[in-house]
């Protein structure tokens, strides 16, 4: 495999490789450092989501606070940073829910999802290009947005369904 592109967020490798079973195949693979996402849950059970513009889709997307794991960061440290940067909160309690593979056909990105509770104020530090709207919703209201197709983001769907399962 040869690196054909290297940027600040990901790189792309392309080439012929041998897969299990002896199959030779041409593959293009996006290499990514990994991401984290946080499901913030208030004491009263409301969940916090954000709404922001996603240029790849050309529209506003409702999703969990999330972001890339920086070099040298653990996933938990990145999750704490993202919660602080995007919504201006810290949390006293953190639980790792799971790690997902959002696009395993062509990208090695993983997303580690955390559940955060016990909030305290922290200085918000959004990236200069981020315009984030915070949405506090009851879990039924968030799941209603899923059912209506208004929440399409995979990491958010997974986290909300796990939260629903937790409460039943």
N, C-alpha and C. Protein backbone atom coordinates (compact mmCIF):
# COMPACT_ATOMS: atom_id res chain seq x y z
N UNK A 1 0.85 -1.18 0.00
CA UNK A 1 0.00 0.00 0.00
C UNK A 1 0.89 1.23 0.00
N UNK A 2 0.47 2.23 -0.75
CA UNK A 2 1.23 3.48 -0.87
C UNK A 2 0.37 4.64 -0.39
N UNK A 3 0.95 5.53 0.38
CA UNK A 3 0.22 6.72 0.82
C UNK A 3 0.11 7.68 -0.36
N UNK A 4 -1.12 7.98 -0.76
CA UNK A 4 -1.35 8.86 -1.90
C UNK A 4 -1.83 10.25 -1.49
N UNK A 5 -2.20 10.36 -0.21
CA UNK A 5 -2.60 11.66 0.32
C UNK A 5 -2.34 11.65 1.83
N UNK A 6 -1.80 12.76 2.33
CA UNK A 6 -1.62 12.91 3.77
C UNK A 6 -2.04 14.32 4.15
N UNK A 7 -3.07 14.40 4.98
CA UNK A 7 -3.58 15.69 5.43
C UNK A 7 -3.60 15.76 6.93
N UNK A 8 -4.13 16.84 7.47
CA UNK A 8 -4.13 17.02 8.92
C UNK A 8 -5.14 16.12 9.66
N UNK A 9 -6.14 15.63 8.97
CA UNK A 9 -7.18 14.82 9.61
C UNK A 9 -7.05 13.34 9.28
N UNK A 10 -6.66 13.02 8.07
CA UNK A 10 -6.54 11.62 7.67
C UNK A 10 -5.53 11.50 6.52
N UNK A 11 -5.17 10.26 6.22
CA UNK A 11 -4.36 9.98 5.04
C UNK A 11 -5.06 8.89 4.24
N UNK A 12 -4.66 8.74 2.99
CA UNK A 12 -5.24 7.71 2.13
C UNK A 12 -4.13 6.84 1.59
N UNK A 13 -4.32 5.52 1.74
CA UNK A 13 -3.40 4.55 1.16
C UNK A 13 -4.13 3.83 0.03
N UNK A 14 -3.37 3.48 -1.00
CA UNK A 14 -3.95 2.81 -2.14
C UNK A 14 -2.99 1.73 -2.62
N UNK A 15 -3.54 0.64 -3.10
CA UNK A 15 -2.69 -0.41 -3.64
C UNK A 15 -3.39 -1.76 -3.69
N UNK A 16 -2.58 -2.75 -4.06
CA UNK A 16 -3.05 -4.13 -4.15
C UNK A 16 -2.58 -4.86 -2.90
N UNK A 17 -3.47 -5.60 -2.29
CA UNK A 17 -3.05 -6.40 -1.14
C UNK A 17 -3.70 -7.76 -1.17
N UNK A 18 -3.12 -8.65 -0.40
CA UNK A 18 -3.64 -10.02 -0.31
C UNK A 18 -4.48 -10.11 0.96
N UNK A 19 -5.73 -10.50 0.78
CA UNK A 19 -6.65 -10.64 1.91
C UNK A 19 -6.72 -12.10 2.33
N UNK A 20 -7.32 -12.37 3.49
CA UNK A 20 -7.45 -13.77 3.92
C UNK A 20 -8.10 -14.61 2.83
N UNK A 21 -7.62 -15.85 2.71
CA UNK A 21 -8.12 -16.72 1.67
C UNK A 21 -7.37 -16.57 0.36
N UNK A 22 -6.35 -15.70 0.35
CA UNK A 22 -5.52 -15.53 -0.83
C UNK A 22 -6.06 -14.57 -1.87
N UNK A 23 -7.16 -13.92 -1.61
CA UNK A 23 -7.74 -12.98 -2.57
C UNK A 23 -6.84 -11.75 -2.69
N UNK A 24 -6.48 -11.39 -3.92
CA UNK A 24 -5.73 -10.16 -4.17
C UNK A 24 -6.75 -9.12 -4.63
N UNK A 25 -6.67 -7.96 -4.02
CA UNK A 25 -7.66 -6.93 -4.33
C UNK A 25 -7.03 -5.55 -4.25
N UNK A 26 -7.50 -4.68 -5.12
CA UNK A 26 -7.09 -3.27 -5.05
C UNK A 26 -7.96 -2.61 -3.98
N UNK A 27 -7.32 -1.88 -3.09
CA UNK A 27 -8.05 -1.22 -2.02
C UNK A 27 -7.55 0.21 -1.84
N UNK A 28 -8.45 1.10 -1.51
CA UNK A 28 -8.15 2.46 -1.08
C UNK A 28 -8.65 2.55 0.36
N UNK A 29 -7.76 2.93 1.26
CA UNK A 29 -8.11 2.94 2.68
C UNK A 29 -7.81 4.31 3.28
N UNK A 30 -8.81 4.86 3.95
CA UNK A 30 -8.61 6.10 4.69
C UNK A 30 -8.09 5.72 6.07
N UNK A 31 -6.93 6.29 6.44
CA UNK A 31 -6.33 6.06 7.76
C UNK A 31 -6.66 7.26 8.64
N UNK A 32 -7.17 6.97 9.82
CA UNK A 32 -7.67 8.02 10.72
C UNK A 32 -7.21 7.71 12.13
N UNK A 33 -6.90 8.72 12.91
CA UNK A 33 -6.40 8.52 14.28
C UNK A 33 -7.47 8.06 15.26
N UNK A 34 -8.70 8.09 14.86
CA UNK A 34 -9.80 7.69 15.74
C UNK A 34 -10.53 8.89 16.28
N UNK A 35 -11.74 8.65 16.73
CA UNK A 35 -12.61 9.70 17.24
C UNK A 35 -13.27 9.25 18.53
N UNK A 36 -13.85 10.23 19.20
CA UNK A 36 -14.63 9.97 20.41
C UNK A 36 -15.96 10.69 20.28
N UNK A 37 -16.94 10.21 21.04
CA UNK A 37 -18.24 10.87 21.11
C UNK A 37 -18.72 10.75 22.55
N UNK A 38 -19.50 11.74 22.96
CA UNK A 38 -19.98 11.79 24.35
C UNK A 38 -21.49 11.92 24.37
N UNK A 39 -22.14 11.04 25.14
CA UNK A 39 -23.57 11.18 25.41
C UNK A 39 -23.69 11.83 26.79
N UNK A 40 -23.92 13.14 26.83
CA UNK A 40 -24.11 13.81 28.12
C UNK A 40 -25.54 13.57 28.61
N UNK A 41 -25.66 13.06 29.85
CA UNK A 41 -26.97 12.78 30.42
C UNK A 41 -27.12 13.59 31.70
N UNK A 42 -28.14 14.46 31.73
CA UNK A 42 -28.42 15.29 32.90
C UNK A 42 -29.00 14.44 34.03
N UNK A 43 -28.96 14.97 35.23
CA UNK A 43 -29.50 14.27 36.41
C UNK A 43 -30.97 13.92 36.24
N UNK A 44 -31.71 14.75 35.50
CA UNK A 44 -33.15 14.48 35.30
C UNK A 44 -33.41 13.57 34.10
N UNK A 45 -32.34 13.06 33.47
CA UNK A 45 -32.50 12.11 32.37
C UNK A 45 -32.46 12.70 30.98
N UNK A 46 -32.50 14.04 30.88
CA UNK A 46 -32.40 14.65 29.55
C UNK A 46 -31.02 14.35 28.96
N UNK A 47 -30.97 14.26 27.65
CA UNK A 47 -29.70 14.07 26.95
C UNK A 47 -29.35 15.35 26.21
N UNK A 48 -28.06 15.59 26.08
CA UNK A 48 -27.60 16.78 25.39
C UNK A 48 -27.02 16.37 24.04
N UNK A 49 -27.57 16.95 23.01
CA UNK A 49 -27.07 16.75 21.65
C UNK A 49 -26.66 18.11 21.10
N UNK A 50 -25.95 18.10 20.01
CA UNK A 50 -25.59 19.35 19.37
C UNK A 50 -26.07 19.32 17.92
N UNK A 51 -26.22 20.49 17.37
CA UNK A 51 -26.60 20.64 15.95
C UNK A 51 -25.54 21.52 15.32
N UNK A 52 -24.93 21.00 14.25
CA UNK A 52 -23.90 21.78 13.57
C UNK A 52 -23.89 21.43 12.08
N UNK A 53 -23.32 22.34 11.31
CA UNK A 53 -23.23 22.15 9.87
C UNK A 53 -22.14 21.13 9.56
N UNK A 54 -22.45 20.16 8.71
CA UNK A 54 -21.48 19.16 8.25
C UNK A 54 -21.36 19.29 6.74
N UNK A 55 -20.20 19.80 6.31
CA UNK A 55 -20.03 20.13 4.89
C UNK A 55 -20.10 18.91 3.98
N UNK A 56 -19.68 17.73 4.46
CA UNK A 56 -19.73 16.54 3.61
C UNK A 56 -21.17 16.22 3.18
N UNK A 57 -22.14 16.60 4.01
CA UNK A 57 -23.54 16.34 3.70
C UNK A 57 -24.28 17.60 3.27
N UNK A 58 -23.64 18.76 3.45
CA UNK A 58 -24.24 20.02 3.04
C UNK A 58 -25.46 20.40 3.85
N UNK A 59 -25.48 20.01 5.13
CA UNK A 59 -26.63 20.34 5.95
C UNK A 59 -26.28 20.32 7.43
N UNK A 60 -27.21 20.81 8.24
CA UNK A 60 -27.08 20.76 9.69
C UNK A 60 -27.38 19.33 10.15
N UNK A 61 -26.59 18.85 11.09
CA UNK A 61 -26.73 17.48 11.59
C UNK A 61 -26.87 17.53 13.12
N UNK A 62 -27.81 16.75 13.64
CA UNK A 62 -27.97 16.61 15.09
C UNK A 62 -27.17 15.39 15.51
N UNK A 63 -26.28 15.59 16.48
CA UNK A 63 -25.37 14.51 16.86
C UNK A 63 -24.85 14.70 18.27
N UNK A 64 -24.06 13.74 18.72
CA UNK A 64 -23.37 13.84 19.99
C UNK A 64 -22.20 14.81 19.85
N UNK A 65 -21.80 15.45 20.95
CA UNK A 65 -20.51 16.15 20.92
C UNK A 65 -19.43 15.11 20.60
N UNK A 66 -18.55 15.43 19.68
CA UNK A 66 -17.58 14.44 19.22
C UNK A 66 -16.40 15.11 18.55
N UNK A 67 -15.34 14.34 18.37
CA UNK A 67 -14.19 14.87 17.66
C UNK A 67 -13.05 13.87 17.58
N UNK A 68 -12.03 14.29 16.92
CA UNK A 68 -10.86 13.46 16.65
C UNK A 68 -9.99 13.32 17.91
N UNK A 69 -9.35 12.17 18.02
CA UNK A 69 -8.36 11.94 19.07
C UNK A 69 -7.04 12.52 18.56
N UNK A 70 -6.49 13.47 19.30
CA UNK A 70 -5.23 14.09 18.91
C UNK A 70 -4.05 13.19 19.27
N UNK A 71 -2.95 13.40 18.60
CA UNK A 71 -1.73 12.63 18.85
C UNK A 71 -1.38 12.68 20.34
N UNK A 72 -1.14 11.50 20.92
CA UNK A 72 -0.76 11.42 22.32
C UNK A 72 -1.92 11.41 23.30
N UNK A 73 -3.14 11.57 22.82
CA UNK A 73 -4.31 11.59 23.68
C UNK A 73 -4.89 10.19 23.84
N UNK A 74 -5.42 9.90 25.02
CA UNK A 74 -6.23 8.70 25.19
C UNK A 74 -7.64 9.04 24.74
N UNK A 75 -8.45 8.03 24.43
CA UNK A 75 -9.83 8.34 24.07
C UNK A 75 -10.58 9.09 25.17
N UNK A 76 -10.40 8.73 26.43
CA UNK A 76 -11.10 9.42 27.51
C UNK A 76 -10.68 10.88 27.60
N UNK A 77 -9.41 11.13 27.48
CA UNK A 77 -8.93 12.52 27.54
C UNK A 77 -9.52 13.33 26.39
N UNK A 78 -9.58 12.73 25.20
CA UNK A 78 -10.17 13.40 24.05
C UNK A 78 -11.66 13.67 24.28
N UNK A 79 -12.36 12.72 24.88
CA UNK A 79 -13.79 12.90 25.15
C UNK A 79 -14.01 14.06 26.12
N UNK A 80 -13.19 14.13 27.16
CA UNK A 80 -13.30 15.23 28.11
C UNK A 80 -13.03 16.57 27.44
N UNK A 81 -12.04 16.60 26.56
CA UNK A 81 -11.72 17.84 25.83
C UNK A 81 -12.88 18.24 24.92
N UNK A 82 -13.43 17.28 24.20
CA UNK A 82 -14.53 17.60 23.28
C UNK A 82 -15.76 18.12 24.01
N UNK A 83 -16.10 17.52 25.16
CA UNK A 83 -17.25 18.00 25.92
C UNK A 83 -17.01 19.44 26.37
N UNK A 84 -15.82 19.72 26.83
CA UNK A 84 -15.47 21.08 27.27
C UNK A 84 -15.51 22.05 26.08
N UNK A 85 -14.86 21.67 24.98
CA UNK A 85 -14.78 22.57 23.83
C UNK A 85 -16.14 22.85 23.21
N UNK A 86 -16.94 21.82 23.04
CA UNK A 86 -18.18 21.97 22.27
C UNK A 86 -19.36 22.48 23.08
N UNK A 87 -19.44 22.12 24.36
CA UNK A 87 -20.61 22.55 25.13
C UNK A 87 -20.27 23.27 26.43
N UNK A 88 -18.99 23.43 26.73
CA UNK A 88 -18.61 24.19 27.91
C UNK A 88 -18.89 23.50 29.22
N UNK A 89 -18.80 22.17 29.23
CA UNK A 89 -19.04 21.40 30.45
C UNK A 89 -17.91 20.42 30.72
N UNK A 90 -17.71 20.17 32.02
CA UNK A 90 -16.92 19.04 32.46
C UNK A 90 -17.89 18.06 33.09
N UNK A 91 -17.45 16.83 33.36
CA UNK A 91 -18.32 15.84 33.98
C UNK A 91 -17.55 15.09 35.07
N UNK A 92 -18.24 14.77 36.14
CA UNK A 92 -17.62 14.06 37.25
C UNK A 92 -17.58 12.55 37.02
N UNK A 93 -18.49 12.04 36.21
CA UNK A 93 -18.57 10.60 35.99
C UNK A 93 -18.51 10.28 34.50
N UNK A 94 -17.64 9.34 34.16
CA UNK A 94 -17.46 8.92 32.77
C UNK A 94 -17.56 7.40 32.68
N UNK A 95 -18.34 6.94 31.70
CA UNK A 95 -18.48 5.51 31.46
C UNK A 95 -18.25 5.24 29.98
N UNK A 96 -17.31 4.34 29.69
CA UNK A 96 -17.08 3.94 28.30
C UNK A 96 -18.20 2.99 27.90
N UNK A 97 -18.95 3.35 26.87
CA UNK A 97 -20.05 2.51 26.42
C UNK A 97 -19.58 1.44 25.44
N UNK A 98 -18.91 1.84 24.38
CA UNK A 98 -18.41 0.91 23.39
C UNK A 98 -17.59 1.64 22.34
N UNK A 99 -16.99 0.87 21.46
CA UNK A 99 -16.25 1.41 20.32
C UNK A 99 -16.93 0.87 19.07
N UNK A 100 -17.17 1.75 18.09
CA UNK A 100 -17.81 1.33 16.84
C UNK A 100 -16.88 1.58 15.67
N UNK A 101 -17.16 0.87 14.57
CA UNK A 101 -16.45 1.01 13.30
C UNK A 101 -17.45 1.64 12.32
N UNK A 102 -17.41 2.96 12.13
CA UNK A 102 -18.46 3.61 11.36
C UNK A 102 -18.46 3.30 9.86
N UNK A 103 -17.31 3.06 9.26
CA UNK A 103 -17.25 2.80 7.82
C UNK A 103 -16.17 1.76 7.52
N UNK A 104 -16.33 0.50 7.97
CA UNK A 104 -15.25 -0.48 7.87
C UNK A 104 -14.88 -0.92 6.46
N UNK A 105 -15.66 -0.56 5.47
CA UNK A 105 -15.35 -0.95 4.11
C UNK A 105 -14.18 -0.20 3.50
N UNK A 106 -13.90 1.02 3.99
CA UNK A 106 -12.83 1.81 3.38
C UNK A 106 -12.09 2.72 4.34
N UNK A 107 -12.45 2.68 5.63
CA UNK A 107 -11.84 3.60 6.59
C UNK A 107 -11.55 2.85 7.89
N UNK A 108 -10.36 3.10 8.47
CA UNK A 108 -10.02 2.42 9.73
C UNK A 108 -10.38 3.23 10.97
N UNK A 109 -11.16 4.30 10.80
CA UNK A 109 -11.57 5.10 11.96
C UNK A 109 -12.38 4.26 12.94
N UNK A 110 -12.12 4.47 14.22
CA UNK A 110 -12.96 3.93 15.28
C UNK A 110 -13.55 5.12 16.03
N UNK A 111 -14.72 4.92 16.62
CA UNK A 111 -15.33 5.94 17.46
C UNK A 111 -15.62 5.30 18.81
N UNK A 112 -14.98 5.82 19.85
CA UNK A 112 -15.23 5.36 21.20
C UNK A 112 -16.28 6.28 21.82
N UNK A 113 -17.36 5.68 22.30
CA UNK A 113 -18.49 6.46 22.82
C UNK A 113 -18.52 6.35 24.34
N UNK A 114 -18.64 7.51 24.98
CA UNK A 114 -18.71 7.61 26.43
C UNK A 114 -20.05 8.18 26.85
N UNK A 115 -20.46 7.85 28.06
CA UNK A 115 -21.63 8.44 28.72
C UNK A 115 -21.08 9.30 29.85
N UNK A 116 -21.49 10.56 29.90
CA UNK A 116 -20.99 11.49 30.91
C UNK A 116 -22.16 12.01 31.75
N UNK A 117 -21.92 12.13 33.07
CA UNK A 117 -22.92 12.66 33.99
C UNK A 117 -22.23 13.51 35.05
N UNK A 118 -23.03 14.22 35.83
CA UNK A 118 -22.49 15.03 36.92
C UNK A 118 -21.75 16.25 36.40
N UNK A 119 -22.44 17.13 35.72
CA UNK A 119 -21.80 18.23 35.01
C UNK A 119 -21.40 19.39 35.90
N UNK A 120 -20.37 20.09 35.46
CA UNK A 120 -19.96 21.36 36.06
C UNK A 120 -19.50 22.25 34.91
N UNK A 121 -19.62 23.56 35.12
CA UNK A 121 -19.26 24.52 34.07
C UNK A 121 -17.77 24.48 33.79
N UNK A 122 -17.43 24.64 32.53
CA UNK A 122 -16.06 24.70 32.08
C UNK A 122 -16.04 25.63 30.87
N UNK A 123 -14.98 26.32 30.65
CA UNK A 123 -14.92 27.28 29.54
C UNK A 123 -15.11 26.56 28.20
N UNK A 124 -16.08 27.02 27.43
CA UNK A 124 -16.30 26.49 26.09
C UNK A 124 -15.19 26.99 25.17
N UNK A 125 -14.66 26.11 24.35
CA UNK A 125 -13.58 26.47 23.44
C UNK A 125 -13.82 25.87 22.06
N UNK A 126 -14.90 26.24 21.39
CA UNK A 126 -15.15 25.64 20.08
C UNK A 126 -14.05 25.99 19.09
N UNK A 127 -13.82 25.07 18.15
CA UNK A 127 -12.88 25.36 17.08
C UNK A 127 -13.39 26.58 16.32
N UNK A 128 -12.47 27.37 15.72
CA UNK A 128 -12.90 28.61 15.05
C UNK A 128 -13.95 28.40 13.96
N UNK A 129 -13.97 27.21 13.34
CA UNK A 129 -14.92 26.96 12.25
C UNK A 129 -16.20 26.28 12.72
N UNK A 130 -16.37 26.07 14.03
CA UNK A 130 -17.55 25.39 14.53
C UNK A 130 -18.61 26.39 14.99
N UNK A 131 -19.84 26.17 14.55
CA UNK A 131 -21.01 26.92 15.00
C UNK A 131 -21.96 25.89 15.57
N UNK A 132 -21.97 25.77 16.88
CA UNK A 132 -22.69 24.68 17.54
C UNK A 132 -23.91 25.20 18.28
N UNK A 133 -25.04 24.53 18.07
CA UNK A 133 -26.26 24.79 18.82
C UNK A 133 -26.48 23.61 19.75
N UNK A 134 -26.71 23.88 21.03
CA UNK A 134 -26.93 22.82 22.02
C UNK A 134 -28.41 22.52 22.13
N UNK A 135 -28.74 21.23 22.16
CA UNK A 135 -30.12 20.77 22.30
C UNK A 135 -30.22 19.85 23.50
N UNK A 136 -30.98 20.24 24.52
CA UNK A 136 -31.28 19.37 25.65
C UNK A 136 -32.65 18.77 25.39
N UNK A 137 -32.71 17.44 25.34
CA UNK A 137 -33.95 16.76 24.99
C UNK A 137 -34.23 15.62 25.96
N UNK A 138 -35.49 15.35 26.18
CA UNK A 138 -35.82 14.12 26.90
C UNK A 138 -35.43 12.96 25.99
N UNK A 139 -35.18 11.80 26.57
CA UNK A 139 -34.83 10.65 25.73
C UNK A 139 -35.96 10.31 24.76
N UNK A 140 -37.24 10.32 25.20
CA UNK A 140 -38.31 10.05 24.23
C UNK A 140 -38.33 11.07 23.08
N UNK A 141 -38.06 12.33 23.35
CA UNK A 141 -38.03 13.34 22.29
C UNK A 141 -36.88 13.07 21.32
N UNK A 142 -35.72 12.69 21.84
CA UNK A 142 -34.58 12.37 20.97
C UNK A 142 -34.90 11.14 20.12
N UNK A 143 -35.51 10.13 20.71
CA UNK A 143 -35.86 8.91 19.96
C UNK A 143 -36.94 9.20 18.93
N UNK A 144 -37.80 10.16 19.21
CA UNK A 144 -38.81 10.58 18.24
C UNK A 144 -38.14 11.21 17.02
N UNK A 145 -37.07 12.00 17.25
CA UNK A 145 -36.32 12.57 16.13
C UNK A 145 -35.64 11.48 15.30
N UNK A 146 -35.20 10.42 15.97
CA UNK A 146 -34.63 9.27 15.25
C UNK A 146 -35.71 8.65 14.36
N UNK A 147 -36.88 8.38 14.95
CA UNK A 147 -37.98 7.74 14.21
C UNK A 147 -38.44 8.58 13.03
N UNK A 148 -38.33 9.91 13.15
CA UNK A 148 -38.75 10.81 12.07
C UNK A 148 -37.62 11.04 11.06
N UNK A 149 -36.48 10.41 11.25
CA UNK A 149 -35.37 10.57 10.32
C UNK A 149 -34.62 11.88 10.47
N UNK A 150 -34.81 12.58 11.58
CA UNK A 150 -34.13 13.87 11.78
C UNK A 150 -32.77 13.69 12.46
N UNK A 151 -32.55 12.54 13.11
CA UNK A 151 -31.22 12.19 13.61
C UNK A 151 -30.76 11.01 12.77
N UNK A 152 -29.71 11.23 11.97
CA UNK A 152 -29.21 10.21 11.05
C UNK A 152 -27.80 9.74 11.39
N UNK A 153 -27.13 10.44 12.27
CA UNK A 153 -25.74 10.15 12.60
C UNK A 153 -25.63 8.82 13.35
N UNK A 154 -24.77 7.92 12.85
CA UNK A 154 -24.68 6.56 13.39
C UNK A 154 -24.24 6.52 14.85
N UNK A 155 -23.22 7.29 15.22
CA UNK A 155 -22.75 7.24 16.61
C UNK A 155 -23.83 7.71 17.57
N UNK A 156 -24.62 8.68 17.14
CA UNK A 156 -25.70 9.20 17.96
C UNK A 156 -26.82 8.18 18.09
N UNK A 157 -27.16 7.53 16.99
CA UNK A 157 -28.19 6.49 17.02
C UNK A 157 -27.80 5.38 18.00
N UNK A 158 -26.56 4.92 17.92
CA UNK A 158 -26.09 3.84 18.79
C UNK A 158 -26.18 4.27 20.25
N UNK A 159 -25.69 5.46 20.57
CA UNK A 159 -25.69 5.92 21.95
C UNK A 159 -27.11 6.07 22.49
N UNK A 160 -28.01 6.62 21.70
CA UNK A 160 -29.40 6.80 22.16
C UNK A 160 -30.08 5.45 22.38
N UNK A 161 -29.83 4.49 21.51
CA UNK A 161 -30.44 3.17 21.68
C UNK A 161 -29.88 2.46 22.92
N UNK A 162 -28.59 2.64 23.19
CA UNK A 162 -28.01 2.07 24.41
C UNK A 162 -28.61 2.73 25.65
N UNK A 163 -28.84 4.04 25.58
CA UNK A 163 -29.43 4.75 26.71
C UNK A 163 -30.87 4.27 26.93
N UNK A 164 -31.60 4.06 25.84
CA UNK A 164 -32.97 3.53 25.97
C UNK A 164 -32.94 2.15 26.62
N UNK A 165 -32.03 1.31 26.18
CA UNK A 165 -31.90 -0.04 26.74
C UNK A 165 -31.56 0.02 28.24
N UNK A 166 -30.70 0.92 28.60
CA UNK A 166 -30.28 1.08 29.99
C UNK A 166 -31.48 1.40 30.89
N UNK A 167 -32.42 2.16 30.36
CA UNK A 167 -33.55 2.63 31.16
C UNK A 167 -34.73 1.66 31.18
N UNK A 168 -34.67 0.58 30.41
CA UNK A 168 -35.81 -0.37 30.40
C UNK A 168 -35.54 -1.57 31.28
